[in-house]
Amino acid sequence: MHLKRKVEIAVISDVHLGTFGCHAKQLLTYLNSIEPKTLILNGDIVDIWQFKKRYFPKSHLSVIKKIMDFAANGTEVIYITGNHDEMLRKFAETEIGNISIVNKLVLNLDGKKAWFFHGDVFDISIQNAKWLAKLGGYGYNTLILLNRLVNWCLDKLGKERYSLSKKIKNSVKGAIKYINDFEKVATDLAIENGYDYVVCGHIHQPKRIIKENKHGKTMYLNSGDWVENFTALEYQFKRWKIYNYNKDKLSPFFADGDLKDMDVKDLITAITIVEQPTKKKSKP
């Protein structure tokens, strides 16, 4: 039996289960290799936007089952909503056993404050009205509603919903500017509000960097994605690192064996088993 790595916090985002671009087997291999105290799902785990394609293979079901197994075995699972899974925002602040759904999260990590959010709240504001992004520190839900309204209007007009991550991929020329603007808005707000770490997803660009301005400094972290980069963030021994699957094949944990007998019945069974709720640690 292979020993699993103990991790205090693991952060994954932008998995996009339910789409052809999702690499669920690689993600399952990674999840099988760790034993996290806390698993933070920082948005766009399930791609509800694409559900009409009716594409949800066994490997995708296995990822959901694995996450639920974590929760059943004592891992605190925190699902932070994103834009592709925005339907879950109506369940924000819901807790079921060790699983909770939130729009944003603040944790105290060894005396330092960490601010977690997906990042789609900056989609509309980041290029059109920088002052609107200032609301992120005080009116996060206002920006969520603004983006939802814009995407509703685009739907009614028969146009594609706005996604900053897609904009970056489709516009190579402007990609660096979009990424820099996103990082600047996120880190400026984090510094202004006294956060030592700001942890995002959304733009599919893994990164760990110290950002400074005249008011102070913060560490910007982005968990990347499981569509192109196959990356996650891990916090252990008072430090953050980027995990990169492509640099760590984890052969003892390959997922294929877990998929043979997986079907919808297994998923339904996993979901309907009622676990005894455990007392959750308080979050500031």
C-alpha atoms as a PDB file:
ATOM      1  CA  MET A   1       0.000   0.000   0.000  1.00  0.00           C
ATOM      2  CA  HIS A   2       1.386   3.384  -1.002  1.00  0.00           C
ATOM      3  CA  LEU A   3       1.542   6.177   1.536  1.00  0.00           C
ATOM      4  CA  LYS A   4      -0.476   9.264   0.666  1.00  0.00           C
ATOM      5  CA  ARG A   5       0.939  12.736   1.137  1.00  0.00           C
ATOM      6  CA  LYS A   6      -0.609  14.576   4.074  1.00  0.00           C
ATOM      7  CA  VAL A   7      -1.554  18.131   3.061  1.00  0.00           C
ATOM      8  CA  GLU A   8      -3.091  20.745   5.312  1.00  0.00           C
ATOM      9  CA  ILE A   9      -4.962  22.436   2.441  1.00  0.00           C
ATOM     10  CA  ALA A  10      -5.362  21.452  -1.213  1.00  0.00           C
ATOM     11  CA  VAL A  11      -6.989  23.872  -3.665  1.00  0.00           C
ATOM     12  CA  ILE A  12      -8.304  22.886  -7.086  1.00  0.00           C
ATOM     13  CA  SER A  13     -10.374  24.942  -9.500  1.00  0.00           C
ATOM     14  CA  ASP A  14     -11.599  25.043 -13.076  1.00  0.00           C
ATOM     15  CA  VAL A  15     -12.058  21.307 -13.482  1.00  0.00           C
ATOM     16  CA  HIS A  16     -15.083  21.729 -15.791  1.00  0.00           C
ATOM     17  CA  LEU A  17     -16.590  18.297 -15.185  1.00  0.00           C
ATOM     18  CA  GLY A  18     -19.146  17.619 -17.896  1.00  0.00           C
ATOM     19  CA  THR A  19     -17.034  18.984 -20.750  1.00  0.00           C
ATOM     20  CA  PHE A  20     -14.756  17.289 -23.284  1.00  0.00           C
ATOM     21  CA  GLY A  21     -11.837  19.446 -22.156  1.00  0.00           C
ATOM     22  CA  CYS A  22     -11.829  18.113 -18.588  1.00  0.00           C
ATOM     23  CA  HIS A  23      -9.011  15.686 -17.716  1.00  0.00           C
ATOM     24  CA  ALA A  24     -10.786  13.865 -14.912  1.00  0.00           C
ATOM     25  CA  LYS A  25      -8.517  10.792 -14.857  1.00  0.00           C
ATOM     26  CA  GLN A  26      -5.450  12.928 -14.169  1.00  0.00           C
ATOM     27  CA  LEU A  27      -7.312  14.807 -11.433  1.00  0.00           C
ATOM     28  CA  LEU A  28      -8.477  11.549  -9.866  1.00  0.00           C
ATOM     29  CA  THR A  29      -4.898  10.290  -9.894  1.00  0.00           C
ATOM     30  CA  TYR A  30      -3.837  13.410  -8.007  1.00  0.00           C
ATOM     31  CA  LEU A  31      -6.701  13.219  -5.498  1.00  0.00           C
ATOM     32  CA  ASN A  32      -5.850   9.568  -4.825  1.00  0.00           C
ATOM     33  CA  SER A  33      -2.307  10.605  -3.885  1.00  0.00           C
ATOM     34  CA  ILE A  34      -3.140  13.090  -1.105  1.00  0.00           C
ATOM     35  CA  GLU A  35      -4.772  13.154   2.298  1.00  0.00           C
ATOM     36  CA  PRO A  36      -5.885  16.764   2.868  1.00  0.00           C
ATOM     37  CA  LYS A  37      -7.294  18.175   6.095  1.00  0.00           C
ATOM     38  CA  THR A  38      -9.169  20.734   3.985  1.00  0.00           C
ATOM     39  CA  LEU A  39     -10.053  20.522   0.294  1.00  0.00           C
ATOM     40  CA  ILE A  40     -11.045  23.834  -1.277  1.00  0.00           C
ATOM     41  CA  LEU A  41     -12.890  23.626  -4.596  1.00  0.00           C
ATOM     42  CA  ASN A  42     -12.411  27.145  -5.923  1.00  0.00           C
ATOM     43  CA  GLY A  43     -15.109  27.321  -8.590  1.00  0.00           C
ATOM     44  CA  ASP A  44     -16.002  25.811 -11.957  1.00  0.00           C
ATOM     45  CA  ILE A  45     -15.691  22.243 -10.693  1.00  0.00           C
ATOM     46  CA  VAL A  46     -18.864  21.143 -12.482  1.00  0.00           C
ATOM     47  CA  ASP A  47     -19.582  23.018 -15.714  1.00  0.00           C
ATOM     48  CA  ILE A  48     -23.311  23.577 -15.442  1.00  0.00           C
ATOM     49  CA  TRP A  49     -23.205  25.869 -18.503  1.00  0.00           C
ATOM     50  CA  GLN A  50     -22.420  22.839 -20.681  1.00  0.00           C
ATOM     51  CA  PHE A  51     -24.868  20.345 -19.190  1.00  0.00           C
ATOM     52  CA  LYS A  52     -27.073  20.412 -22.282  1.00  0.00           C
ATOM     53  CA  LYS A  53     -24.384  18.391 -24.062  1.00  0.00           C
ATOM     54  CA  ARG A  54     -25.297  15.445 -21.820  1.00  0.00           C
ATOM     55  CA  TYR A  55     -21.668  14.433 -21.512  1.00  0.00           C
ATOM     56  CA  PHE A  56     -20.675  13.045 -18.103  1.00  0.00           C
ATOM     57  CA  PRO A  57     -18.479   9.919 -18.336  1.00  0.00           C
ATOM     58  CA  LYS A  58     -17.489   7.522 -15.549  1.00  0.00           C
ATOM     59  CA  SER A  59     -14.219   9.301 -14.797  1.00  0.00           C
ATOM     60  CA  HIS A  60     -16.159  12.530 -14.118  1.00  0.00           C
ATOM     61  CA  LEU A  61     -18.540  10.685 -11.784  1.00  0.00           C
ATOM     62  CA  SER A  62     -15.523   9.190 -10.022  1.00  0.00           C
ATOM     63  CA  VAL A  63     -14.131  12.652  -9.239  1.00  0.00           C
ATOM     64  CA  ILE A  64     -17.399  13.597  -7.534  1.00  0.00           C
ATOM     65  CA  LYS A  65     -17.430  10.328  -5.600  1.00  0.00           C
ATOM     66  CA  LYS A  66     -13.805  10.854  -4.535  1.00  0.00           C
ATOM     67  CA  ILE A  67     -14.616  14.332  -3.199  1.00  0.00           C
ATOM     68  CA  MET A  68     -17.547  12.918  -1.258  1.00  0.00           C
ATOM     69  CA  ASP A  69     -15.331  10.135   0.103  1.00  0.00           C
ATOM     70  CA  PHE A  70     -12.939  12.805   1.382  1.00  0.00           C
ATOM     71  CA  ALA A  71     -15.802  14.465   3.250  1.00  0.00           C
ATOM     72  CA  ALA A  72     -17.059  11.145   4.642  1.00  0.00           C
ATOM     73  CA  ASN A  73     -13.580  10.403   5.979  1.00  0.00           C
ATOM     74  CA  GLY A  74     -13.212  13.700   7.838  1.00  0.00           C
ATOM     75  CA  THR A  75     -11.789  16.124   5.265  1.00  0.00           C
ATOM     76  CA  GLU A  76     -13.431  19.538   5.347  1.00  0.00           C
ATOM     77  CA  VAL A  77     -14.619  20.198   1.786  1.00  0.00           C
ATOM     78  CA  ILE A  78     -15.372  23.829   0.929  1.00  0.00           C
ATOM     79  CA  TYR A  79     -16.998  24.499  -2.445  1.00  0.00           C
ATOM     80  CA  ILE A  80     -16.507  28.113  -3.551  1.00  0.00           C
ATOM     81  CA  THR A  81     -18.878  28.935  -6.389  1.00  0.00           C
ATOM     82  CA  GLY A  82     -17.690  30.126  -9.795  1.00  0.00           C
ATOM     83  CA  ASN A  83     -19.370  31.352 -12.953  1.00  0.00           C
ATOM     84  CA  HIS A  84     -19.743  27.982 -14.690  1.00  0.00           C
ATOM     85  CA  ASP A  85     -21.376  26.555 -11.552  1.00  0.00           C
ATOM     86  CA  GLU A  86     -23.186  29.759 -10.570  1.00  0.00           C
ATOM     87  CA  MET A  87     -26.460  27.861 -10.029  1.00  0.00           C
ATOM     88  CA  LEU A  88     -24.943  26.701  -6.752  1.00  0.00           C
ATOM     89  CA  ARG A  89     -24.856  30.294  -5.494  1.00  0.00           C
ATOM     90  CA  LYS A  90     -28.462  29.963  -4.376  1.00  0.00           C
ATOM     91  CA  PHE A  91     -27.159  27.380  -1.859  1.00  0.00           C
ATOM     92  CA  ALA A  92     -24.355  29.603  -0.507  1.00  0.00           C
ATOM     93  CA  GLU A  93     -23.784  29.203   3.245  1.00  0.00           C
ATOM     94  CA  THR A  94     -25.281  25.685   3.141  1.00  0.00           C
ATOM     95  CA  GLU A  95     -23.521  22.981   5.146  1.00  0.00           C
ATOM     96  CA  ILE A  96     -24.091  19.229   4.837  1.00  0.00           C
ATOM     97  CA  GLY A  97     -21.823  17.231   7.104  1.00  0.00           C
ATOM     98  CA  ASN A  98     -18.255  18.189   6.172  1.00  0.00           C
ATOM     99  CA  ILE A  99     -19.266  19.893   2.909  1.00  0.00           C
ATOM    100  CA  SER A 100     -20.045  23.602   2.739  1.00  0.00           C
ATOM    101  CA  ILE A 101     -20.914  25.911  -0.165  1.00  0.00           C
ATOM    102  CA  VAL A 102     -19.775  29.553  -0.080  1.00  0.00           C
ATOM    103  CA  ASN A 103     -19.209  32.459  -2.466  1.00  0.00           C
ATOM    104  CA  LYS A 104     -15.936  33.488  -0.829  1.00  0.00           C
ATOM    105  CA  LEU A 105     -13.832  32.399   2.106  1.00  0.00           C
ATOM    106  CA  VAL A 106     -11.390  33.856   4.627  1.00  0.00           C
ATOM    107  CA  LEU A 107      -9.128  31.538   6.639  1.00  0.00           C
ATOM    108  CA  ASN A 108      -6.543  32.224   9.310  1.00  0.00           C
ATOM    109  CA  LEU A 109      -3.447  30.220   8.381  1.00  0.00           C
ATOM    110  CA  ASP A 110      -0.757  30.211  11.039  1.00  0.00           C
ATOM    111  CA  GLY A 111      -1.506  33.827  11.965  1.00  0.00           C
ATOM    112  CA  LYS A 112      -1.915  35.040   8.376  1.00  0.00           C
ATOM    113  CA  LYS A 113      -5.184  35.878   6.620  1.00  0.00           C
ATOM    114  CA  ALA A 114      -6.019  34.138   3.339  1.00  0.00           C
ATOM    115  CA  TRP A 115      -8.805  35.353   1.044  1.00  0.00           C
ATOM    116  CA  PHE A 116     -10.228  32.745  -1.358  1.00  0.00           C
ATOM    117  CA  PHE A 117     -12.616  33.469  -4.239  1.00  0.00           C
ATOM    118  CA  HIS A 118     -13.055  32.188  -7.776  1.00  0.00           C
ATOM    119  CA  GLY A 119     -12.460  35.497  -9.576  1.00  0.00           C
ATOM    120  CA  ASP A 120     -15.311  35.804 -12.065  1.00  0.00           C
ATOM    121  CA  VAL A 121     -16.667  38.839 -10.189  1.00  0.00           C
ATOM    122  CA  PHE A 122     -14.049  40.901 -12.025  1.00  0.00           C
ATOM    123  CA  ASP A 123     -15.110  39.756 -15.517  1.00  0.00           C
ATOM    124  CA  ILE A 124     -17.256  42.746 -16.411  1.00  0.00           C
ATOM    125  CA  SER A 125     -15.587  45.329 -14.238  1.00  0.00           C
ATOM    126  CA  ILE A 126     -11.943  44.588 -14.949  1.00  0.00           C
ATOM    127  CA  GLN A 127     -11.780  46.269 -18.348  1.00  0.00           C
ATOM    128  CA  ASN A 128     -14.871  48.445 -18.467  1.00  0.00           C
ATOM    129  CA  ALA A 129     -14.882  50.193 -15.115  1.00  0.00           C
ATOM    130  CA  LYS A 130     -12.002  49.566 -12.740  1.00  0.00           C
ATOM    131  CA  TRP A 131     -13.811  51.460 -10.001  1.00  0.00           C
ATOM    132  CA  LEU A 132     -16.488  48.755  -9.964  1.00  0.00           C
ATOM    133  CA  ALA A 133     -13.861  46.207  -9.007  1.00  0.00           C
ATOM    134  CA  LYS A 134     -13.375  48.159  -5.801  1.00  0.00           C
ATOM    135  CA  LEU A 135     -16.718  46.727  -4.743  1.00  0.00           C
ATOM    136  CA  GLY A 136     -14.988  43.365  -4.484  1.00  0.00           C
ATOM    137  CA  GLY A 137     -13.760  44.188  -1.015  1.00  0.00           C
ATOM    138  CA  TYR A 138     -17.132  45.365   0.240  1.00  0.00           C
ATOM    139  CA  GLY A 139     -19.868  44.180  -2.097  1.00  0.00           C
ATOM    140  CA  TYR A 140     -18.791  40.855  -3.569  1.00  0.00           C
ATOM    141  CA  ASN A 141     -22.389  39.743  -3.999  1.00  0.00           C
ATOM    142  CA  THR A 142     -23.142  42.946  -5.935  1.00  0.00           C
ATOM    143  CA  LEU A 143     -20.519  42.022  -8.514  1.00  0.00           C
ATOM    144  CA  ILE A 144     -21.902  38.483  -8.724  1.00  0.00           C
ATOM    145  CA  LEU A 145     -25.343  39.919  -9.501  1.00  0.00           C
ATOM    146  CA  LEU A 146     -23.854  42.327 -12.064  1.00  0.00           C
ATOM    147  CA  ASN A 147     -22.147  39.512 -13.959  1.00  0.00           C
ATOM    148  CA  ARG A 148     -25.271  37.364 -13.776  1.00  0.00           C
ATOM    149  CA  LEU A 149     -27.349  40.205 -15.237  1.00  0.00           C
ATOM    150  CA  VAL A 150     -24.893  40.759 -18.088  1.00  0.00           C
ATOM    151  CA  ASN A 151     -24.801  37.041 -18.940  1.00  0.00           C
ATOM    152  CA  TRP A 152     -28.608  36.835 -18.758  1.00  0.00           C
ATOM    153  CA  CYS A 153     -28.821  39.686 -21.270  1.00  0.00           C
ATOM    154  CA  LEU A 154     -26.261  37.993 -23.533  1.00  0.00           C
ATOM    155  CA  ASP A 155     -28.306  34.774 -23.387  1.00  0.00           C
ATOM    156  CA  LYS A 156     -31.469  36.648 -24.373  1.00  0.00           C
ATOM    157  CA  LEU A 157     -29.625  38.236 -27.291  1.00  0.00           C
ATOM    158  CA  GLY A 158     -28.437  34.823 -28.436  1.00  0.00           C
ATOM    159  CA  LYS A 159     -24.817  35.650 -27.699  1.00  0.00           C
ATOM    160  CA  GLU A 160     -22.219  33.678 -25.775  1.00  0.00           C
ATOM    161  CA  ARG A 161     -21.813  34.400 -22.072  1.00  0.00           C
ATOM    162  CA  TYR A 162     -18.825  36.480 -21.058  1.00  0.00           C
ATOM    163  CA  SER A 163     -15.929  34.563 -19.525  1.00  0.00           C
ATOM    164  CA  LEU A 164     -12.573  36.175 -18.810  1.00  0.00           C
ATOM    165  CA  SER A 165     -10.779  32.827 -19.009  1.00  0.00           C
ATOM    166  CA  LYS A 166     -12.160  32.249 -22.501  1.00  0.00           C
ATOM    167  CA  LYS A 167     -11.322  35.819 -23.482  1.00  0.00           C
ATOM    168  CA  ILE A 168      -7.706  35.214 -22.478  1.00  0.00           C
ATOM    169  CA  LYS A 169      -7.496  32.016 -24.536  1.00  0.00           C
ATOM    170  CA  ASN A 170      -9.137  33.583 -27.584  1.00  0.00           C
ATOM    171  CA  SER A 171      -7.061  36.753 -27.563  1.00  0.00           C
ATOM    172  CA  VAL A 172      -3.368  35.918 -27.465  1.00  0.00           C
ATOM    173  CA  LYS A 173      -2.435  39.529 -28.125  1.00  0.00           C
ATOM    174  CA  GLY A 174      -4.406  40.819 -25.136  1.00  0.00           C
ATOM    175  CA  ALA A 175      -3.856  37.839 -22.835  1.00  0.00           C
ATOM    176  CA  ILE A 176      -0.951  39.325 -20.875  1.00  0.00           C
ATOM    177  CA  LYS A 177      -2.902  42.547 -20.272  1.00  0.00           C
ATOM    178  CA  TYR A 178      -6.006  40.645 -19.081  1.00  0.00           C
ATOM    179  CA  ILE A 179      -3.932  38.502 -16.716  1.00  0.00           C
ATOM    180  CA  ASN A 180      -1.995  41.477 -15.361  1.00  0.00           C
ATOM    181  CA  ASP A 181      -5.209  43.475 -14.849  1.00  0.00           C
ATOM    182  CA  PHE A 182      -6.828  40.541 -13.045  1.00  0.00           C
ATOM    183  CA  GLU A 183      -3.835  40.046 -10.766  1.00  0.00           C
ATOM    184  CA  LYS A 184      -3.560  43.775 -10.052  1.00  0.00           C
ATOM    185  CA  VAL A 185      -7.232  44.171  -9.116  1.00  0.00           C
ATOM    186  CA  ALA A 186      -7.154  41.056  -6.904  1.00  0.00           C
ATOM    187  CA  THR A 187      -3.918  41.964  -5.124  1.00  0.00           C
ATOM    188  CA  ASP A 188      -4.746  45.663  -4.688  1.00  0.00           C
ATOM    189  CA  LEU A 189      -7.986  44.657  -2.963  1.00  0.00           C
ATOM    190  CA  ALA A 190      -6.206  42.050  -0.850  1.00  0.00           C
ATOM    191  CA  ILE A 191      -3.614  44.596   0.324  1.00  0.00           C
ATOM    192  CA  GLU A 192      -6.314  47.194   0.991  1.00  0.00           C
ATOM    193  CA  ASN A 193      -8.207  44.720   3.162  1.00  0.00           C
ATOM    194  CA  GLY A 194      -5.192  43.347   5.004  1.00  0.00           C
ATOM    195  CA  TYR A 195      -5.000  39.865   3.482  1.00  0.00           C
ATOM    196  CA  ASP A 196      -1.621  38.122   3.409  1.00  0.00           C
ATOM    197  CA  TYR A 197      -2.731  35.709   0.681  1.00  0.00           C
ATOM    198  CA  VAL A 198      -5.260  36.062  -2.124  1.00  0.00           C
ATOM    199  CA  VAL A 199      -6.186  32.740  -3.750  1.00  0.00           C
ATOM    200  CA  CYS A 200      -8.066  32.667  -7.069  1.00  0.00           C
ATOM    201  CA  GLY A 201      -8.878  30.453 -10.032  1.00  0.00           C
ATOM    202  CA  HIS A 202     -10.913  31.388 -13.108  1.00  0.00           C
ATOM    203  CA  ILE A 203      -8.219  32.572 -15.542  1.00  0.00           C
ATOM    204  CA  HIS A 204      -6.617  29.112 -15.857  1.00  0.00           C
ATOM    205  CA  GLN A 205      -3.151  30.535 -15.146  1.00  0.00           C
ATOM    206  CA  PRO A 206      -1.318  28.862 -12.228  1.00  0.00           C
ATOM    207  CA  LYS A 207       0.852  31.295 -10.305  1.00  0.00           C
ATOM    208  CA  ARG A 208       2.506  32.012  -6.971  1.00  0.00           C
ATOM    209  CA  ILE A 209       4.003  35.493  -6.671  1.00  0.00           C
ATOM    210  CA  ILE A 210       4.499  38.308  -4.166  1.00  0.00           C
ATOM    211  CA  LYS A 211       2.770  41.507  -5.298  1.00  0.00           C
ATOM    212  CA  GLU A 212       3.501  44.922  -3.814  1.00  0.00           C
ATOM    213  CA  ASN A 213       2.107  48.430  -4.072  1.00  0.00           C
ATOM    214  CA  LYS A 214       2.653  51.591  -2.043  1.00  0.00           C
ATOM    215  CA  HIS A 215       0.250  50.330   0.639  1.00  0.00           C
ATOM    216  CA  GLY A 216       1.874  46.960   1.291  1.00  0.00           C
ATOM    217  CA  LYS A 217       2.275  43.492  -0.159  1.00  0.00           C
ATOM    218  CA  THR A 218       0.441  40.181  -0.483  1.00  0.00           C
ATOM    219  CA  MET A 219       1.028  36.762  -2.029  1.00  0.00           C
ATOM    220  CA  TYR A 220      -1.098  36.121  -5.126  1.00  0.00           C
ATOM    221  CA  LEU A 221      -1.906  32.468  -5.785  1.00  0.00           C
ATOM    222  CA  ASN A 222      -3.846  30.890  -8.640  1.00  0.00           C
ATOM    223  CA  SER A 223      -4.636  27.184  -8.758  1.00  0.00           C
ATOM    224  CA  GLY A 224      -4.714  27.031 -12.574  1.00  0.00           C
ATOM    225  CA  ASP A 225      -6.999  24.355 -14.046  1.00  0.00           C
ATOM    226  CA  TRP A 226      -7.505  20.718 -15.046  1.00  0.00           C
ATOM    227  CA  VAL A 227      -8.218  21.463 -18.692  1.00  0.00           C
ATOM    228  CA  GLU A 228      -4.753  22.518 -19.867  1.00  0.00           C
ATOM    229  CA  ASN A 229      -2.324  22.969 -16.969  1.00  0.00           C
ATOM    230  CA  PHE A 230      -3.260  20.139 -14.539  1.00  0.00           C
ATOM    231  CA  THR A 231      -2.296  22.143 -11.453  1.00  0.00           C
ATOM    232  CA  ALA A 232      -3.369  22.608  -7.839  1.00  0.00           C
ATOM    233  CA  LEU A 233      -2.250  24.598  -4.816  1.00  0.00           C
ATOM    234  CA  GLU A 234      -1.066  22.993  -1.605  1.00  0.00           C
ATOM    235  CA  TYR A 235      -0.470  24.542   1.831  1.00  0.00           C
ATOM    236  CA  GLN A 236       1.738  22.642   4.256  1.00  0.00           C
ATOM    237  CA  PHE A 237       4.390  23.614   6.828  1.00  0.00           C
ATOM    238  CA  LYS A 238       3.347  27.290   6.648  1.00  0.00           C
ATOM    239  CA  ARG A 239       4.078  27.612   2.947  1.00  0.00           C
ATOM    240  CA  TRP A 240       2.257  27.419  -0.381  1.00  0.00           C
ATOM    241  CA  LYS A 241       3.382  25.554  -3.476  1.00  0.00           C
ATOM    242  CA  ILE A 242       1.971  24.871  -6.930  1.00  0.00           C
ATOM    243  CA  TYR A 243       1.460  21.178  -7.625  1.00  0.00           C
ATOM    244  CA  ASN A 244       1.983  20.300 -11.315  1.00  0.00           C
ATOM    245  CA  TYR A 245       0.725  16.904 -12.432  1.00  0.00           C
ATOM    246  CA  ASN A 246       2.870  16.949 -15.576  1.00  0.00           C
ATOM    247  CA  LYS A 247       5.987  17.019 -13.398  1.00  0.00           C
ATOM    248  CA  ASP A 248       4.766  14.269 -11.062  1.00  0.00           C
ATOM    249  CA  LYS A 249       3.126  11.331 -12.804  1.00  0.00           C
ATOM    250  CA  LEU A 250       2.182   9.582  -9.543  1.00  0.00           C
ATOM    251  CA  SER A 251       2.216   6.156 -11.192  1.00  0.00           C
ATOM    252  CA  PRO A 252       1.153   4.260  -8.017  1.00  0.00           C
ATOM    253  CA  PHE A 253      -2.097   6.194  -8.003  1.00  0.00           C
ATOM    254  CA  PHE A 254      -3.275   5.937 -11.609  1.00  0.00           C
ATOM    255  CA  ALA A 255      -7.038   6.099 -11.653  1.00  0.00           C
ATOM    256  CA  ASP A 256      -8.039   3.623 -14.366  1.00  0.00           C
ATOM    257  CA  GLY A 257      -8.625   0.746 -11.943  1.00  0.00           C
ATOM    258  CA  ASP A 258     -11.126   2.824 -10.020  1.00  0.00           C
ATOM    259  CA  LEU A 259     -13.296   3.397 -13.071  1.00  0.00           C
ATOM    260  CA  LYS A 260     -14.171  -0.151 -14.097  1.00  0.00           C
ATOM    261  CA  ASP A 261     -17.355  -0.553 -12.107  1.00  0.00           C
ATOM    262  CA  MET A 262     -18.282   3.081 -11.595  1.00  0.00           C
ATOM    263  CA  ASP A 263     -21.737   4.054 -12.783  1.00  0.00           C
ATOM    264  CA  VAL A 264     -24.578   6.408 -11.918  1.00  0.00           C
ATOM    265  CA  LYS A 265     -25.865   3.992  -9.242  1.00  0.00           C
ATOM    266  CA  ASP A 266     -22.572   4.311  -7.363  1.00  0.00           C
ATOM    267  CA  LEU A 267     -22.829   8.080  -7.463  1.00  0.00           C
ATOM    268  CA  ILE A 268     -26.434   8.091  -6.259  1.00  0.00           C
ATOM    269  CA  THR A 269     -25.497   5.719  -3.426  1.00  0.00           C
ATOM    270  CA  ALA A 270     -22.599   7.969  -2.414  1.00  0.00           C
ATOM    271  CA  ILE A 271     -24.826  11.044  -2.419  1.00  0.00           C
ATOM    272  CA  THR A 272     -27.722   9.505  -0.524  1.00  0.00           C
ATOM    273  CA  ILE A 273     -25.713   7.936   2.302  1.00  0.00           C
ATOM    274  CA  VAL A 274     -26.208  10.278   5.248  1.00  0.00           C
ATOM    275  CA  GLU A 275     -22.992  10.844   7.135  1.00  0.00           C
ATOM    276  CA  GLN A 276     -23.014  11.839  10.798  1.00  0.00           C
ATOM    277  CA  PRO A 277     -22.197  15.582  10.754  1.00  0.00           C
ATOM    278  CA  THR A 278     -18.978  16.490  12.521  1.00  0.00           C
ATOM    279  CA  LYS A 279     -18.303  19.743  14.244  1.00  0.00           C
ATOM    280  CA  LYS A 280     -16.701  22.140  11.785  1.00  0.00           C
ATOM    281  CA  LYS A 281     -13.892  24.425  12.735  1.00  0.00           C
ATOM    282  CA  SER A 282     -14.881  28.045  12.840  1.00  0.00           C
ATOM    283  CA  LYS A 283     -13.777  30.334  10.038  1.00  0.00           C
ATOM    284  CA  PRO A 284     -13.208  34.034  10.634  1.00  0.00           C
END
